[in-house]
Protein backbone atom coordinates (compact mmCIF):
# COMPACT_ATOMS: atom_id res chain seq x y z
CA MET A 1 0.00 0.00 0.00
CA SER A 2 1.23 3.48 -0.91
CA ASP A 3 1.36 6.42 1.49
CA PRO A 4 -1.12 9.25 0.91
CA ILE A 5 0.14 12.34 -0.92
CA VAL A 6 -0.36 15.75 0.70
CA ALA A 7 -2.81 17.34 -1.72
CA GLY A 8 -3.01 20.66 0.12
CA LYS A 9 -2.02 22.45 3.30
CA ARG A 10 -5.39 23.93 4.14
CA PRO A 11 -8.87 22.46 4.35
CA GLU A 12 -11.60 22.80 1.76
CA VAL A 13 -14.60 24.40 3.46
CA LEU A 14 -17.76 23.22 1.74
CA GLU A 15 -21.46 23.16 2.51
CA LEU A 16 -22.57 19.53 2.67
CA GLU A 17 -26.11 18.17 2.56
CA PRO A 18 -27.56 15.62 4.96
CA GLY A 19 -28.57 12.27 3.49
CA ARG A 20 -26.18 12.54 0.56
CA THR A 21 -23.28 10.09 0.20
CA TYR A 22 -19.83 11.65 -0.26
CA TRP A 23 -16.54 9.98 -1.25
CA TRP A 24 -13.52 11.69 0.31
CA CYS A 25 -10.13 11.13 -1.35
CA ARG A 26 -7.74 9.38 1.05
CA CYS A 27 -4.81 8.98 -1.34
CA GLY A 28 -4.24 12.66 -2.22
CA ARG A 29 -3.98 11.92 -5.95
CA SER A 30 -7.44 13.13 -7.00
CA LYS A 31 -7.54 16.21 -9.24
CA ASN A 32 -10.97 16.96 -7.74
CA GLN A 33 -9.95 17.48 -4.07
CA PRO A 34 -11.30 16.70 -1.59
CA TRP A 35 -13.41 14.24 -3.61
CA CYS A 36 -12.32 10.94 -5.10
CA ASP A 37 -11.91 10.80 -8.88
CA GLY A 38 -10.61 7.22 -9.08
CA SER A 39 -6.90 8.18 -9.08
CA HIS A 40 -6.31 5.82 -6.12
CA GLU A 41 -6.49 2.78 -8.39
CA GLY A 42 -3.49 0.55 -7.78
CA THR A 43 -2.38 2.38 -4.61
CA GLY A 44 -4.13 0.14 -2.08
CA ILE A 45 -5.80 3.24 -0.63
CA GLU A 46 -9.58 3.40 -0.93
CA PRO A 47 -11.75 6.53 -0.63
CA LEU A 48 -13.82 7.14 2.50
CA GLU A 49 -17.58 6.99 2.11
CA PHE A 50 -19.40 9.31 4.52
CA THR A 51 -22.58 11.26 5.17
CA VAL A 52 -23.41 14.19 7.45
CA ASP A 53 -26.38 14.71 9.76
CA LYS A 54 -27.02 18.37 9.07
CA ALA A 55 -26.52 20.95 6.34
CA LYS A 56 -23.66 23.30 7.22
CA ASN A 57 -20.12 24.19 6.21
CA TYR A 58 -17.55 21.50 6.95
CA ALA A 59 -13.76 21.79 6.77
CA LEU A 60 -12.53 18.76 4.81
CA CYS A 61 -8.91 17.70 5.11
CA THR A 62 -6.67 17.95 2.04
CA CYS A 63 -3.33 17.11 3.72
CA LYS A 64 -4.57 13.52 4.34
CA LYS A 65 -2.90 13.47 7.78
CA THR A 66 -5.97 14.26 9.93
CA ALA A 67 -6.89 11.95 12.78
CA GLY A 68 -10.58 12.69 12.17
CA SER A 69 -11.06 11.75 8.52
CA PRO A 70 -12.52 13.32 6.47
CA PHE A 71 -12.64 16.43 8.66
CA CYS A 72 -9.72 18.77 9.21
CA ASP A 73 -8.16 18.66 12.69
CA GLY A 74 -5.44 21.27 12.02
CA THR A 75 -2.64 18.78 11.36
CA HIS A 76 -1.78 20.65 8.13
CA SER A 77 -0.37 23.55 10.19
CA SER A 78 2.53 21.35 11.34
CA LEU A 79 3.53 20.11 7.87
């Protein structure tokens, strides 16, 4: 299995909708950050499927080092 690539050093803040399924890129290779575009193929890293309970802005990790995937926990500030 490959290690994730740091795709960015700040979160993507996006309004997400409850009841919708999202696929967060874990590998860092997607050109459509923070979403999976299939670039993980062959890396052994699979995207994270998730939903949210309420509509609001969420900070999604792009450094791929967060302990609270897919949400940013500030780890990017130490990279």
